[in-house]
Amino acid sequence: MSTGMLLTMVLCFALTISVAVSIGLAALVGIQVSNVNMLVAVKEMFSSINRFPLAAIPFFILAGNLMETGGISRRLVEFAKSLVGGVQGGLPMTCVLTCMIFAAVSGSSVATTFAIGAILIPALIKHGYPRPWAASLQATSAELGVIIPPSIPMILYGVAAEVSIGELFIAGIVPGLLIGFTLMVFVHLYCRWKGWGKTDGDGRLSVLRATGKAGWALLMPVIILGGIYGGIFTPTEAAAVAVLYALVVGMVVHREIGVADLGRILKKSVVSSAVIMFIIANAGLFAYLITRAGVPDAIGLWLKDVLQEPLLFLLGVNLALFLIGMFIETSAAIIVLAPILAPVAAHFGVDPVHFGIVMVVNLALGMITPPFGVNLFAACTVAKISLDQIVTSLLPFVLVIIGCLMIITYSPWLTLGLRDLVYR
C-alpha cells in the first residue's frame, strides 16, 4: 500500500499536478488497497483541519493582504531604508530588513513575497540590479516569513507533533535574526564586490521622519508578539488581533483601504487559505494511512539502526528534508513528517522544540529551491521573468541559508536559550 501511494504521488508530481491533489490521489490509492471505509477517510480529513490552532492560518493570510493594501508594507520599506539604505547595497539590505519586520506579523512567506516584492523588486531593478538577482533576493528574504514568529509552519508542527506553539515561536526568534542579519551582511559584501548599489541612498527619508510615518506599522509586531509572550492572548487569537489592527489602520488611519477593496482582499485571502487547508486535509489522510501501515515505526527503527549518533541523525534528517522540501510543499511535508520524525528525534535526545525549528528552517529552503519553490513562483511573477532565469543567481542565497541551517542544527543553545529563559 505504502509503495503504491508513494509511486502515485511521485507520478502526479511528474505530471505537474498540484500538491494537494497529488497527495489526495495517493491517499485514494491507499484507501482502495487497504479497504478503508470512505467514512473513515472523510473523518480523518475533517479531523486534520478541525483544530483550533489552525484558525490562525486564514487570519494571518488576511492580515498580510490587509497590510499590503493598506500601506503598512510601503511604510515598513521606507523605515527599513532609513536605517540601512545609506550604505552601498543598502536597497537589498532594506529588502531583507523589511521582510524581517513584516515576518513578525504575517506568518507567511508567500504573503511577504507579494507584499514586499511588489514594492522592492521594481525599485531594485530601477537602481540597476539584475532582474533575476532582485527576484532571488526577494524570494530568499521572504523565507523569513515562516522562520521569524508568528509562523504558519510552526503552528502546523506544534499541532502535528503536539509541541507548545508558544515555545516554538519564542525559539524561532534568534534563528530568524541570525538568518536575517547573515543575509544583510552577505548582500552588502556582494554588492561591494560587484560594484552595485552606489546610489541606493537616493530618496531616503531621515530615520526620525520614516519612524513617524511607520509608527502604526511598527506598533503592530509589538502588540502581536507582546500579547503572545505576555500571555494576553494565544497565537490564534493574536492572528485575529492582527487582522483587526491591520483593518483599522488601513481604513481609518492611513485611509488606503476602501469598502470596495474589502471584497477583493477577502477573496484573495479565502483562496490562499483554502489551498493550504485542502493540503492539510489531504496530508492528514495520507499520514493516517501511512501510520496505519506501520511506516513511521519502520522508518524510526531504520534510523535508529543506521544513524546511531544524534549528530549523524540530524545530518541525515537535514539531507532528507532538503530533498523532500524541493518537491513537497512545506505545510504538507510538516503535517506528514512531523509525527514520524519528532518521536525519533526525542529518542536521540533532541529537544522537540529545537527539532521543530530545524525542520521549519530546512523545509523553508524548499520555498526557494526548484522545481516547486512557491516563493520562486511568487517572486518570478512580480519580477515578470521565468523560473529558469532565476536559478543561477539563486545559488549563493541557498548556500547562505544552508550555512545558517548547519549553525542552528548543531548549536541548540541558539534556539533553546531564549525559550529556557522565558519558560523554565
Protein backbone atom coordinates (compact mmCIF):
# COMPACT_ATOMS: atom_id res chain seq x y z
CA MET A 1 0.00 0.00 0.00
CA SER A 2 2.71 2.47 1.02
CA THR A 3 4.65 1.81 -2.18
CA GLY A 4 1.56 2.37 -4.31
CA MET A 5 0.79 5.64 -2.51
CA LEU A 6 4.33 6.97 -2.91
CA LEU A 7 4.52 5.96 -6.58
CA THR A 8 1.17 7.64 -7.25
CA MET A 9 2.31 10.83 -5.55
CA VAL A 10 5.63 10.90 -7.44
CA LEU A 11 3.83 10.27 -10.74
CA CYS A 12 1.40 13.10 -10.05
CA PHE A 13 4.30 15.43 -9.24
CA ALA A 14 5.98 14.43 -12.50
CA LEU A 15 2.77 15.30 -14.35
CA THR A 16 2.80 18.73 -12.62
CA ILE A 17 -0.48 18.02 -10.82
CA SER A 18 -0.93 20.33 -7.81
CA VAL A 19 0.50 19.18 -4.48
CA ALA A 20 -2.87 18.94 -2.72
CA VAL A 21 -4.46 16.88 -5.49
CA SER A 22 -1.37 14.65 -5.77
CA ILE A 23 -1.48 13.82 -2.07
CA GLY A 24 -5.25 13.27 -2.25
CA LEU A 25 -4.97 10.89 -5.21
CA ALA A 26 -2.20 8.96 -3.46
CA ALA A 27 -4.44 8.67 -0.40
CA LEU A 28 -7.30 7.35 -2.58
CA VAL A 29 -4.98 4.62 -3.86
CA GLY A 30 -4.14 3.73 -0.25
CA ILE A 31 -7.85 3.60 0.64
CA GLN A 32 -8.60 1.23 -2.22
CA VAL A 33 -5.67 -1.06 -1.47
CA SER A 34 -6.25 -1.23 2.29
CA ASN A 35 -10.08 -1.36 2.06
CA VAL A 36 -10.53 1.56 4.44
CA ASN A 37 -14.11 2.77 4.74
CA MET A 38 -14.62 6.08 2.95
CA LEU A 39 -16.40 7.43 6.02
CA VAL A 40 -13.18 6.91 7.98
CA ALA A 41 -11.31 8.77 5.24
CA VAL A 42 -13.71 11.71 5.45
CA LYS A 43 -13.44 11.70 9.25
CA GLU A 44 -9.63 11.81 9.10
CA MET A 45 -9.65 14.66 6.60
CA PHE A 46 -12.06 16.65 8.76
CA SER A 47 -10.10 15.89 11.95
CA SER A 48 -6.92 17.18 10.30
CA ILE A 49 -8.35 20.68 9.91
CA ASN A 50 -10.70 20.67 12.92
CA ARG A 51 -8.04 22.06 15.25
CA PHE A 52 -8.26 25.44 16.93
CA PRO A 53 -4.60 26.50 16.31
CA LEU A 54 -5.14 26.14 12.54
CA ALA A 55 -7.62 29.02 12.66
CA ALA A 56 -4.57 31.27 12.85
CA ILE A 57 -3.65 30.47 9.24
CA PRO A 58 -6.51 32.27 7.41
CA PHE A 59 -6.26 35.16 9.88
CA PHE A 60 -2.54 35.68 9.25
CA ILE A 61 -3.06 35.46 5.49
CA LEU A 62 -5.85 38.04 5.68
CA ALA A 63 -3.70 40.29 7.89
CA GLY A 64 -0.88 40.14 5.32
CA ASN A 65 -3.19 41.11 2.48
CA LEU A 66 -4.66 43.97 4.51
CA MET A 67 -1.16 45.22 5.30
CA GLU A 68 -0.23 45.15 1.63
CA THR A 69 -3.32 47.08 0.50
CA GLY A 70 -3.44 49.41 3.50
CA GLY A 71 0.00 50.94 3.00
CA ILE A 72 1.62 49.28 6.01
CA SER A 73 4.08 47.38 3.79
CA ARG A 74 5.20 50.55 1.98
CA ARG A 75 5.82 52.39 5.24
CA LEU A 76 7.84 49.48 6.59
CA VAL A 77 10.02 49.64 3.46
CA GLU A 78 10.61 53.38 3.98
CA PHE A 79 11.51 52.77 7.63
CA ALA A 80 13.95 49.96 6.81
CA LYS A 81 15.56 52.05 4.07
CA SER A 82 16.08 54.92 6.50
CA LEU A 83 18.11 52.56 8.72
CA VAL A 84 20.30 50.70 6.23
CA GLY A 85 19.69 52.32 2.85
CA GLY A 86 22.56 54.79 3.13
CA VAL A 87 25.37 52.28 2.53
CA GLN A 88 26.39 50.59 -0.70
CA GLY A 89 23.95 47.74 -1.24
CA GLY A 90 21.52 49.45 1.10
CA LEU A 91 18.48 48.69 -1.05
CA PRO A 92 18.96 44.89 -0.95
CA MET A 93 19.64 45.21 2.79
CA THR A 94 16.37 47.14 3.04
CA CYS A 95 14.61 44.22 1.37
CA VAL A 96 15.94 41.77 3.97
CA LEU A 97 15.22 44.05 6.94
CA THR A 98 11.68 44.83 5.74
CA CYS A 99 10.96 41.12 5.36
CA MET A 100 12.22 40.55 8.91
CA ILE A 101 9.80 43.17 10.26
CA PHE A 102 6.91 42.02 8.06
CA ALA A 103 7.55 38.42 9.14
CA ALA A 104 6.80 39.41 12.72
CA VAL A 105 3.13 39.83 11.83
CA SER A 106 2.41 37.92 8.61
CA GLY A 107 3.37 34.28 9.34
CA SER A 108 3.52 33.53 5.60
CA SER A 109 6.46 33.69 3.21
CA VAL A 110 4.28 33.94 0.10
CA ALA A 111 2.36 36.89 1.58
CA THR A 112 5.72 38.51 2.40
CA THR A 113 6.97 37.92 -1.16
CA PHE A 114 4.00 39.66 -2.76
CA ALA A 115 3.60 42.43 -0.19
CA ILE A 116 7.27 43.49 -0.09
CA GLY A 117 8.32 42.30 -3.56
CA ALA A 118 5.69 44.43 -5.29
CA ILE A 119 7.48 47.47 -3.86
CA LEU A 120 11.15 46.48 -3.76
CA ILE A 121 11.71 44.34 -6.86
CA PRO A 122 10.83 47.26 -9.21
CA ALA A 123 12.95 49.58 -7.04
CA LEU A 124 15.94 47.22 -7.21
CA ILE A 125 15.62 46.92 -10.99
CA LYS A 126 15.36 50.71 -11.29
CA HIS A 127 18.64 51.07 -9.34
CA GLY A 128 20.45 48.80 -11.77
CA TYR A 129 20.25 45.43 -10.05
CA PRO A 130 19.77 42.47 -12.43
CA ARG A 131 16.14 41.39 -12.53
CA PRO A 132 16.89 37.69 -11.71
CA TRP A 133 19.09 38.71 -8.77
CA ALA A 134 16.39 41.02 -7.40
CA ALA A 135 13.83 38.22 -7.62
CA SER A 136 16.22 35.76 -5.96
CA LEU A 137 16.88 38.20 -3.12
CA GLN A 138 13.17 38.79 -2.53
CA ALA A 139 12.31 35.08 -2.60
CA THR A 140 15.08 34.29 -0.12
CA SER A 141 14.33 37.20 2.21
CA ALA A 142 10.64 36.30 2.28
CA GLU A 143 11.57 32.89 3.65
CA LEU A 144 11.98 34.70 6.96
CA GLY A 145 8.18 34.97 6.98
CA VAL A 146 7.96 31.37 8.21
CA ILE A 147 11.03 31.44 10.48
CA ILE A 148 10.54 34.63 12.48
CA PRO A 149 7.39 34.14 14.60
CA PRO A 150 4.48 34.10 14.25
CA SER A 151 4.83 31.34 11.68
CA ILE A 152 2.21 29.16 9.99
CA PRO A 153 4.60 26.16 9.60
CA MET A 154 5.46 26.40 13.31
CA ILE A 155 1.75 26.25 14.12
CA LEU A 156 1.42 23.16 11.92
CA TYR A 157 4.43 21.50 13.53
CA GLY A 158 3.12 22.27 17.01
CA VAL A 159 -0.23 20.69 16.15
CA ALA A 160 1.26 17.66 14.36
CA ALA A 161 3.98 16.92 16.93
CA GLU A 162 1.97 18.07 19.98
CA VAL A 163 4.55 20.71 20.95
CA SER A 164 3.83 24.08 22.55
CA ILE A 165 3.32 26.67 19.80
CA GLY A 166 4.30 29.45 22.19
CA GLU A 167 7.66 27.75 22.85
CA LEU A 168 8.21 27.27 19.12
CA PHE A 169 7.51 30.93 18.47
CA ILE A 170 9.98 32.20 21.04
CA ALA A 171 12.58 29.62 19.95
CA GLY A 172 12.36 30.89 16.37
CA ILE A 173 13.38 34.46 17.20
CA VAL A 174 17.17 34.00 17.40
CA PRO A 175 17.44 31.66 14.36
CA GLY A 176 15.35 34.13 12.36
CA LEU A 177 17.55 37.05 13.38
CA LEU A 178 20.67 35.01 12.60
CA ILE A 179 19.48 34.27 9.06
CA GLY A 180 18.28 37.84 8.51
CA PHE A 181 21.48 39.55 9.62
CA THR A 182 23.64 37.00 7.80
CA LEU A 183 21.75 37.78 4.58
CA MET A 184 22.21 41.50 5.15
CA VAL A 185 25.98 41.13 5.59
CA PHE A 186 26.17 38.87 2.54
CA VAL A 187 24.29 41.22 0.19
CA HIS A 188 26.33 44.22 1.42
CA LEU A 189 29.64 42.45 0.70
CA TYR A 190 28.32 41.02 -2.58
CA CYS A 191 27.21 44.45 -3.81
CA ARG A 192 30.57 45.97 -2.93
CA TRP A 193 32.28 43.17 -4.86
CA LYS A 194 30.02 43.69 -7.88
CA GLY A 195 30.06 47.47 -7.65
CA TRP A 196 26.28 47.65 -7.37
CA GLY A 197 24.15 49.99 -5.29
CA LYS A 198 26.27 53.12 -5.06
CA THR A 199 23.14 55.31 -5.40
CA ASP A 200 20.89 53.28 -3.12
CA GLY A 201 20.56 56.15 -0.65
CA ASP A 202 18.74 58.40 -3.13
CA GLY A 203 15.33 59.44 -1.83
CA ARG A 204 15.96 58.02 1.63
CA LEU A 205 13.97 59.62 4.45
CA SER A 206 15.55 60.54 7.76
CA VAL A 207 15.18 57.92 10.48
CA LEU A 208 13.00 60.26 12.54
CA ARG A 209 10.62 61.06 9.69
CA ALA A 210 10.42 57.43 8.49
CA THR A 211 9.74 56.25 12.03
CA GLY A 212 6.95 58.80 12.35
CA LYS A 213 5.33 57.66 9.10
CA ALA A 214 5.72 53.97 10.01
CA GLY A 215 4.71 54.37 13.65
CA TRP A 216 1.42 52.49 13.33
CA ALA A 217 3.06 49.76 11.24
CA LEU A 218 5.90 49.30 13.77
CA LEU A 219 3.43 49.11 16.64
CA MET A 220 1.79 46.07 15.08
CA PRO A 221 4.53 43.46 15.82
CA VAL A 222 4.90 44.91 19.32
CA ILE A 223 1.21 44.30 20.01
CA ILE A 224 1.11 40.86 18.39
CA LEU A 225 4.32 39.40 19.82
CA GLY A 226 3.98 41.23 23.12
CA GLY A 227 0.47 39.86 23.51
CA ILE A 228 1.58 36.30 22.78
CA TYR A 229 4.62 36.28 25.06
CA GLY A 230 2.88 38.33 27.71
CA GLY A 231 0.14 35.70 27.97
CA ILE A 232 -2.58 38.15 26.96
CA PHE A 233 -3.74 36.03 24.02
CA THR A 234 -2.89 32.79 22.23
CA PRO A 235 -1.20 32.67 18.81
CA THR A 236 -4.59 32.03 17.22
CA GLU A 237 -6.15 34.98 18.98
CA ALA A 238 -3.10 37.06 18.02
CA ALA A 239 -3.85 36.36 14.36
CA ALA A 240 -7.38 37.73 14.80
CA VAL A 241 -5.97 40.80 16.57
CA ALA A 242 -3.56 41.31 13.65
CA VAL A 243 -6.50 41.35 11.22
CA LEU A 244 -8.43 43.87 13.30
CA TYR A 245 -5.38 46.09 13.72
CA ALA A 246 -4.45 46.00 10.01
CA LEU A 247 -8.08 46.73 9.06
CA VAL A 248 -8.42 49.71 11.40
CA VAL A 249 -5.05 51.20 10.42
CA GLY A 250 -5.70 50.65 6.70
CA MET A 251 -9.24 52.08 6.71
CA VAL A 252 -9.21 54.70 9.48
CA VAL A 253 -5.61 55.85 9.98
CA HIS A 254 -3.99 55.56 6.54
CA ARG A 255 -7.32 55.54 4.68
CA GLU A 256 -5.89 53.46 1.84
CA ILE A 257 -8.45 50.66 2.11
CA GLY A 258 -11.96 51.45 0.96
CA VAL A 259 -15.10 49.41 1.39
CA ALA A 260 -14.86 48.46 -2.29
CA ASP A 261 -11.41 46.89 -1.66
CA LEU A 262 -12.62 44.52 1.04
CA GLY A 263 -14.26 42.08 -1.37
CA ARG A 264 -11.07 41.65 -3.39
CA ILE A 265 -8.93 41.29 -0.26
CA LEU A 266 -11.27 38.72 1.28
CA LYS A 267 -11.47 36.72 -1.96
CA LYS A 268 -7.69 36.60 -2.27
CA SER A 269 -7.34 35.52 1.36
CA VAL A 270 -10.05 32.86 1.11
CA VAL A 271 -8.43 31.30 -1.96
CA SER A 272 -4.99 31.20 -0.31
CA SER A 273 -6.42 29.78 2.93
CA ALA A 274 -8.48 27.17 1.09
CA VAL A 275 -5.41 25.91 -0.76
CA ILE A 276 -3.48 25.43 2.49
CA MET A 277 -6.42 23.81 4.28
CA PHE A 278 -7.02 21.45 1.36
CA ILE A 279 -3.36 20.42 1.52
CA ILE A 280 -3.61 19.86 5.28
CA ALA A 281 -6.79 17.77 4.94
CA ASN A 282 -5.30 15.52 2.24
CA ALA A 283 -1.96 15.32 4.03
CA GLY A 284 -3.77 14.31 7.23
CA LEU A 285 -5.46 11.41 5.44
CA PHE A 286 -2.14 10.46 3.82
CA ALA A 287 -0.41 10.48 7.23
CA TYR A 288 -3.20 8.36 8.74
CA LEU A 289 -2.85 5.69 6.06
CA ILE A 290 0.96 5.71 6.26
CA THR A 291 0.80 5.39 10.05
CA ARG A 292 -1.80 2.60 9.78
CA ALA A 293 0.61 0.72 7.53
CA GLY A 294 3.38 0.96 10.13
CA VAL A 295 5.69 3.12 8.03
CA PRO A 296 6.62 5.58 10.84
CA ASP A 297 7.69 2.75 13.12
CA ALA A 298 9.70 1.16 10.33
CA ILE A 299 11.43 4.44 9.50
CA GLY A 300 12.12 5.08 13.16
CA LEU A 301 13.70 1.67 13.66
CA TRP A 302 15.76 2.06 10.47
CA LEU A 303 17.04 5.46 11.56
CA LYS A 304 17.94 4.14 14.98
CA ASP A 305 19.91 1.27 13.44
CA VAL A 306 21.68 3.27 10.73
CA LEU A 307 22.19 6.64 12.42
CA GLN A 308 23.15 5.76 15.95
CA GLU A 309 24.55 9.16 16.94
CA PRO A 310 22.45 12.31 17.41
CA LEU A 311 24.83 14.33 15.20
CA LEU A 312 24.54 11.79 12.37
CA PHE A 313 20.77 11.64 12.83
CA LEU A 314 20.44 15.42 12.48
CA LEU A 315 22.70 15.42 9.41
CA GLY A 316 20.70 12.60 7.80
CA VAL A 317 17.39 14.28 8.58
CA ASN A 318 18.65 17.58 7.16
CA LEU A 319 19.69 15.93 3.90
CA ALA A 320 16.37 14.10 3.63
CA LEU A 321 14.30 17.19 4.45
CA PHE A 322 16.25 19.29 1.96
CA LEU A 323 15.43 16.86 -0.84
CA ILE A 324 11.82 16.45 0.30
CA GLY A 325 11.37 20.21 0.54
CA MET A 326 12.33 20.59 -3.12
CA PHE A 327 9.31 18.53 -4.20
CA ILE A 328 6.68 18.76 -1.45
CA GLU A 329 5.03 21.93 -0.15
CA THR A 330 6.21 22.91 3.34
CA SER A 331 2.83 22.64 5.07
CA ALA A 332 2.16 19.18 3.64
CA ALA A 333 5.67 17.96 4.48
CA ILE A 334 5.35 19.08 8.10
CA ILE A 335 1.92 17.53 8.58
CA VAL A 336 3.13 14.20 7.13
CA LEU A 337 6.67 14.04 8.53
CA ALA A 338 6.48 15.72 11.95
CA PRO A 339 4.55 12.85 13.62
CA ILE A 340 7.08 10.41 12.10
CA LEU A 341 10.36 12.17 12.84
CA ALA A 342 9.69 14.01 16.11
CA PRO A 343 9.47 10.80 18.23
CA VAL A 344 12.69 9.51 16.64
CA ALA A 345 14.41 12.82 17.40
CA ALA A 346 13.23 12.54 21.00
CA HIS A 347 14.77 9.04 21.15
CA PHE A 348 18.13 10.59 20.28
CA GLY A 349 17.70 13.21 22.97
CA VAL A 350 16.94 16.09 20.59
CA ASP A 351 14.59 18.64 22.15
CA PRO A 352 11.29 18.61 20.20
CA VAL A 353 11.26 22.42 20.06
CA HIS A 354 14.81 22.55 18.66
CA PHE A 355 13.94 19.81 16.17
CA GLY A 356 10.85 21.74 15.12
CA ILE A 357 12.90 24.86 14.34
CA VAL A 358 15.44 22.78 12.39
CA MET A 359 12.59 21.18 10.45
CA VAL A 360 10.89 24.50 9.67
CA VAL A 361 14.14 26.22 8.58
CA ASN A 362 15.10 23.25 6.41
CA LEU A 363 11.73 22.89 4.72
CA ALA A 364 11.61 26.66 4.25
CA LEU A 365 14.58 26.12 1.93
CA GLY A 366 12.16 24.23 -0.29
CA MET A 367 10.34 27.50 -0.84
CA ILE A 368 13.37 28.86 -2.71
CA THR A 369 14.61 25.72 -4.48
CA PRO A 370 13.35 24.46 -7.85
CA PRO A 371 11.24 22.82 -9.09
CA PHE A 372 8.35 23.62 -6.71
CA GLY A 373 9.58 26.59 -4.68
CA VAL A 374 6.47 28.67 -4.01
CA ASN A 375 8.50 31.79 -3.19
CA LEU A 376 10.27 31.48 -6.52
CA PHE A 377 6.99 31.38 -8.41
CA ALA A 378 5.73 34.40 -6.47
CA ALA A 379 8.96 36.39 -6.98
CA CYS A 380 9.10 35.46 -10.68
CA THR A 381 5.50 36.63 -11.06
CA VAL A 382 6.31 40.00 -9.53
CA ALA A 383 9.59 40.36 -11.47
CA LYS A 384 7.95 39.12 -14.70
CA ILE A 385 10.63 36.53 -15.51
CA SER A 386 10.63 32.75 -15.96
CA LEU A 387 11.86 30.29 -13.35
CA ASP A 388 14.87 29.16 -15.40
CA GLN A 389 16.24 32.73 -15.42
CA ILE A 390 16.47 32.85 -11.63
CA VAL A 391 18.36 29.63 -10.88
CA THR A 392 21.96 30.84 -11.33
CA SER A 393 21.56 33.98 -9.21
CA LEU A 394 19.71 31.97 -6.56
CA LEU A 395 22.57 29.57 -5.73
CA PRO A 396 24.61 31.92 -3.44
CA PHE A 397 21.50 32.68 -1.38
CA VAL A 398 20.73 28.98 -0.95
CA LEU A 399 24.30 28.36 0.25
CA VAL A 400 23.98 31.18 2.81
CA ILE A 401 20.75 29.66 4.21
CA ILE A 402 22.32 26.18 4.31
CA GLY A 403 25.25 27.59 6.29
CA CYS A 404 22.84 29.17 8.79
CA LEU A 405 20.88 25.91 8.98
CA MET A 406 24.01 24.00 9.99
CA ILE A 407 24.73 26.54 12.74
CA ILE A 408 21.15 26.29 14.01
CA THR A 409 21.21 22.48 13.86
CA TYR A 410 24.42 21.98 15.82
CA SER A 411 24.10 24.95 18.18
CA PRO A 412 20.85 24.15 20.02
CA TRP A 413 21.52 26.89 22.56
CA LEU A 414 20.74 29.45 19.84
CA THR A 415 17.24 28.02 19.62
CA LEU A 416 16.61 26.98 23.21
CA GLY A 417 18.39 29.71 25.18
CA LEU A 418 15.61 32.28 24.94
CA ARG A 419 12.93 29.59 25.33
CA ASP A 420 14.54 28.33 28.54
CA LEU A 421 14.88 31.87 29.84
CA VAL A 422 11.15 32.51 29.40
CA TYR A 423 9.56 29.13 30.09
CA ARG A 424 11.90 27.44 32.54
